[in-house]
Amino acid sequence: MPKRHLSNNIRRLRFEHGEMTQQQLAEQVGVTRQTIIAMEQDKYSPSLELAFRIALVFGVPLEEVFSYTPDEGA
């Protein structure tokens, strides 16, 4: 089975939404700024509930925030 990779567009979406800071997003979804940083760096995969909360903040479908694709070379 090929390896998969969860990636996200959180950083881009923050800037498209009035240059929202990591702290502002964190407060709106109920996590720490460090959690947002880790997600943006692809070092942390959020729970399904958190993923939906992030999508709701930006007013976009979940698939516009997160994507799950095969790893390069897999």
N, C-alpha and C. Protein backbone atom coordinates (compact mmCIF):
# COMPACT_ATOMS: atom_id res chain seq x y z
N MET A 1 0.85 -1.19 0.00
CA MET A 1 0.00 0.00 0.00
C MET A 1 0.89 1.24 0.00
N PRO A 2 0.63 2.20 -0.91
CA PRO A 2 1.48 3.39 -0.96
C PRO A 2 1.32 4.24 0.29
N LYS A 3 2.38 4.91 0.68
CA LYS A 3 2.31 5.82 1.81
C LYS A 3 1.50 7.04 1.40
N ARG A 4 0.86 7.64 2.38
CA ARG A 4 0.03 8.83 2.14
C ARG A 4 0.55 10.00 2.97
N HIS A 5 0.18 11.19 2.54
CA HIS A 5 0.64 12.38 3.22
C HIS A 5 -0.51 13.37 3.35
N LEU A 6 -0.76 13.85 4.56
CA LEU A 6 -1.77 14.87 4.80
C LEU A 6 -1.11 16.23 4.68
N SER A 7 -1.61 17.07 3.78
CA SER A 7 -1.08 18.42 3.65
C SER A 7 -2.23 19.40 3.84
N ASN A 8 -1.88 20.68 4.00
CA ASN A 8 -2.93 21.66 4.25
C ASN A 8 -2.59 23.01 3.63
N ASN A 9 -3.62 23.83 3.56
CA ASN A 9 -3.51 25.19 3.03
C ASN A 9 -3.79 26.23 4.10
N ILE A 10 -3.53 25.90 5.34
CA ILE A 10 -3.88 26.80 6.45
C ILE A 10 -3.18 28.15 6.31
N ARG A 11 -1.89 28.12 6.04
CA ARG A 11 -1.15 29.39 5.94
C ARG A 11 -1.75 30.28 4.84
N ARG A 12 -1.98 29.72 3.67
CA ARG A 12 -2.57 30.49 2.56
C ARG A 12 -3.94 31.04 2.94
N LEU A 13 -4.76 30.19 3.54
CA LEU A 13 -6.10 30.62 3.92
C LEU A 13 -6.07 31.72 4.97
N ARG A 14 -5.13 31.65 5.90
CA ARG A 14 -5.02 32.72 6.91
C ARG A 14 -4.76 34.06 6.22
N PHE A 15 -3.85 34.06 5.25
CA PHE A 15 -3.51 35.30 4.58
C PHE A 15 -4.64 35.79 3.69
N GLU A 16 -5.41 34.88 3.13
CA GLU A 16 -6.55 35.26 2.31
C GLU A 16 -7.71 35.78 3.15
N HIS A 17 -7.67 35.53 4.43
CA HIS A 17 -8.72 35.98 5.35
C HIS A 17 -8.18 37.09 6.25
N GLY A 18 -7.78 38.17 5.62
CA GLY A 18 -7.35 39.35 6.36
C GLY A 18 -6.04 39.20 7.09
N GLU A 19 -5.16 38.35 6.55
CA GLU A 19 -3.86 38.09 7.20
C GLU A 19 -4.05 37.71 8.67
N MET A 20 -4.99 36.79 8.88
CA MET A 20 -5.25 36.26 10.22
C MET A 20 -3.96 35.69 10.81
N THR A 21 -3.71 35.98 12.07
CA THR A 21 -2.50 35.44 12.70
C THR A 21 -2.74 33.99 13.15
N GLN A 22 -1.65 33.30 13.41
CA GLN A 22 -1.75 31.94 13.94
C GLN A 22 -2.49 31.98 15.27
N GLN A 23 -2.22 32.98 16.09
CA GLN A 23 -2.87 33.10 17.39
C GLN A 23 -4.37 33.30 17.25
N GLN A 24 -4.78 34.14 16.31
CA GLN A 24 -6.21 34.37 16.09
C GLN A 24 -6.92 33.09 15.68
N LEU A 25 -6.32 32.35 14.76
CA LEU A 25 -6.92 31.09 14.33
C LEU A 25 -6.97 30.11 15.50
N ALA A 26 -5.89 30.02 16.24
CA ALA A 26 -5.84 29.11 17.39
C ALA A 26 -6.97 29.40 18.37
N GLU A 27 -7.18 30.67 18.67
CA GLU A 27 -8.24 31.05 19.61
C GLU A 27 -9.62 30.69 19.07
N GLN A 28 -9.82 30.87 17.77
CA GLN A 28 -11.13 30.58 17.19
C GLN A 28 -11.45 29.10 17.16
N VAL A 29 -10.43 28.24 17.07
CA VAL A 29 -10.70 26.80 17.00
C VAL A 29 -10.39 26.07 18.30
N GLY A 30 -9.87 26.79 19.30
CA GLY A 30 -9.69 26.21 20.63
C GLY A 30 -8.43 25.38 20.81
N VAL A 31 -7.34 25.79 20.15
CA VAL A 31 -6.05 25.11 20.34
C VAL A 31 -4.98 26.17 20.62
N THR A 32 -3.75 25.72 20.83
CA THR A 32 -2.66 26.66 21.05
C THR A 32 -2.06 27.11 19.72
N ARG A 33 -1.36 28.22 19.76
CA ARG A 33 -0.65 28.70 18.57
C ARG A 33 0.36 27.66 18.10
N GLN A 34 0.98 26.97 19.05
CA GLN A 34 1.96 25.94 18.70
C GLN A 34 1.33 24.82 17.87
N THR A 35 0.07 24.51 18.14
CA THR A 35 -0.63 23.48 17.36
C THR A 35 -0.81 23.95 15.93
N ILE A 36 -1.18 25.21 15.74
CA ILE A 36 -1.34 25.77 14.40
C ILE A 36 0.00 25.74 13.66
N ILE A 37 1.06 26.14 14.35
CA ILE A 37 2.41 26.12 13.74
C ILE A 37 2.75 24.70 13.29
N ALA A 38 2.53 23.73 14.16
CA ALA A 38 2.86 22.34 13.83
C ALA A 38 2.05 21.85 12.63
N MET A 39 0.78 22.22 12.55
CA MET A 39 -0.04 21.81 11.40
C MET A 39 0.48 22.45 10.12
N GLU A 40 0.80 23.74 10.17
CA GLU A 40 1.29 24.43 8.98
C GLU A 40 2.61 23.82 8.49
N GLN A 41 3.39 23.28 9.39
CA GLN A 41 4.68 22.67 9.04
C GLN A 41 4.54 21.18 8.74
N ASP A 42 3.31 20.69 8.65
CA ASP A 42 3.02 19.27 8.39
C ASP A 42 3.65 18.35 9.43
N LYS A 43 3.74 18.83 10.67
CA LYS A 43 4.30 18.01 11.75
C LYS A 43 3.22 17.47 12.67
N TYR A 44 1.97 17.89 12.43
CA TYR A 44 0.87 17.46 13.27
C TYR A 44 -0.38 17.30 12.42
N SER A 45 -1.04 16.17 12.56
CA SER A 45 -2.30 15.93 11.87
C SER A 45 -3.44 16.16 12.86
N PRO A 46 -4.35 17.06 12.54
CA PRO A 46 -5.42 17.37 13.48
C PRO A 46 -6.46 16.25 13.57
N SER A 47 -7.21 16.28 14.64
CA SER A 47 -8.36 15.38 14.74
C SER A 47 -9.38 15.80 13.68
N LEU A 48 -10.29 14.92 13.39
CA LEU A 48 -11.33 15.24 12.41
C LEU A 48 -12.15 16.43 12.88
N GLU A 49 -12.46 16.47 14.16
CA GLU A 49 -13.23 17.58 14.72
C GLU A 49 -12.49 18.91 14.53
N LEU A 50 -11.21 18.93 14.84
CA LEU A 50 -10.43 20.16 14.67
C LEU A 50 -10.35 20.55 13.21
N ALA A 51 -10.18 19.60 12.33
CA ALA A 51 -10.12 19.89 10.89
C ALA A 51 -11.41 20.57 10.43
N PHE A 52 -12.56 20.07 10.88
CA PHE A 52 -13.83 20.69 10.52
C PHE A 52 -13.96 22.09 11.11
N ARG A 53 -13.49 22.27 12.35
CA ARG A 53 -13.57 23.61 12.97
C ARG A 53 -12.74 24.62 12.18
N ILE A 54 -11.56 24.20 11.71
CA ILE A 54 -10.72 25.09 10.90
C ILE A 54 -11.43 25.45 9.60
N ALA A 55 -12.00 24.47 8.93
CA ALA A 55 -12.72 24.73 7.68
C ALA A 55 -13.87 25.70 7.91
N LEU A 56 -14.58 25.54 9.03
CA LEU A 56 -15.70 26.43 9.34
C LEU A 56 -15.24 27.87 9.55
N VAL A 57 -14.11 28.06 10.21
CA VAL A 57 -13.57 29.41 10.42
C VAL A 57 -13.34 30.09 9.08
N PHE A 58 -12.81 29.36 8.12
CA PHE A 58 -12.51 29.93 6.82
C PHE A 58 -13.72 29.92 5.88
N GLY A 59 -14.77 29.21 6.25
CA GLY A 59 -15.97 29.15 5.42
C GLY A 59 -15.76 28.41 4.12
N VAL A 60 -14.92 27.37 4.18
CA VAL A 60 -14.63 26.59 2.98
C VAL A 60 -14.83 25.10 3.27
N PRO A 61 -14.97 24.28 2.22
CA PRO A 61 -15.08 22.83 2.44
C PRO A 61 -13.78 22.27 3.03
N LEU A 62 -13.91 21.20 3.76
CA LEU A 62 -12.75 20.55 4.37
C LEU A 62 -11.65 20.26 3.35
N GLU A 63 -12.06 19.87 2.13
CA GLU A 63 -11.10 19.51 1.08
C GLU A 63 -10.28 20.70 0.60
N GLU A 64 -10.75 21.92 0.88
CA GLU A 64 -9.97 23.10 0.50
C GLU A 64 -8.88 23.41 1.53
N VAL A 65 -9.06 22.90 2.74
CA VAL A 65 -8.07 23.11 3.80
C VAL A 65 -7.05 21.97 3.81
N PHE A 66 -7.54 20.74 3.73
CA PHE A 66 -6.67 19.57 3.85
C PHE A 66 -6.76 18.68 2.61
N SER A 67 -5.64 18.06 2.28
CA SER A 67 -5.65 17.06 1.21
C SER A 67 -4.79 15.88 1.66
N TYR A 68 -5.16 14.72 1.16
CA TYR A 68 -4.49 13.46 1.53
C TYR A 68 -4.03 12.81 0.25
N THR A 69 -2.73 12.81 0.02
CA THR A 69 -2.18 12.35 -1.25
C THR A 69 -1.05 11.35 -1.05
N PRO A 70 -0.75 10.57 -2.08
CA PRO A 70 0.38 9.65 -1.97
C PRO A 70 1.69 10.42 -1.78
N ASP A 71 2.58 9.88 -0.95
CA ASP A 71 3.90 10.49 -0.78
C ASP A 71 4.69 10.38 -2.07
N GLU A 72 5.58 11.32 -2.29
CA GLU A 72 6.46 11.29 -3.46
C GLU A 72 7.29 10.00 -3.44
N GLY A 73 7.37 9.35 -4.56
CA GLY A 73 8.21 8.16 -4.67
C GLY A 73 7.62 6.91 -4.08
N ALA A 74 6.39 6.99 -3.58
CA ALA A 74 5.78 5.80 -2.96
C ALA A 74 5.14 4.92 -4.01
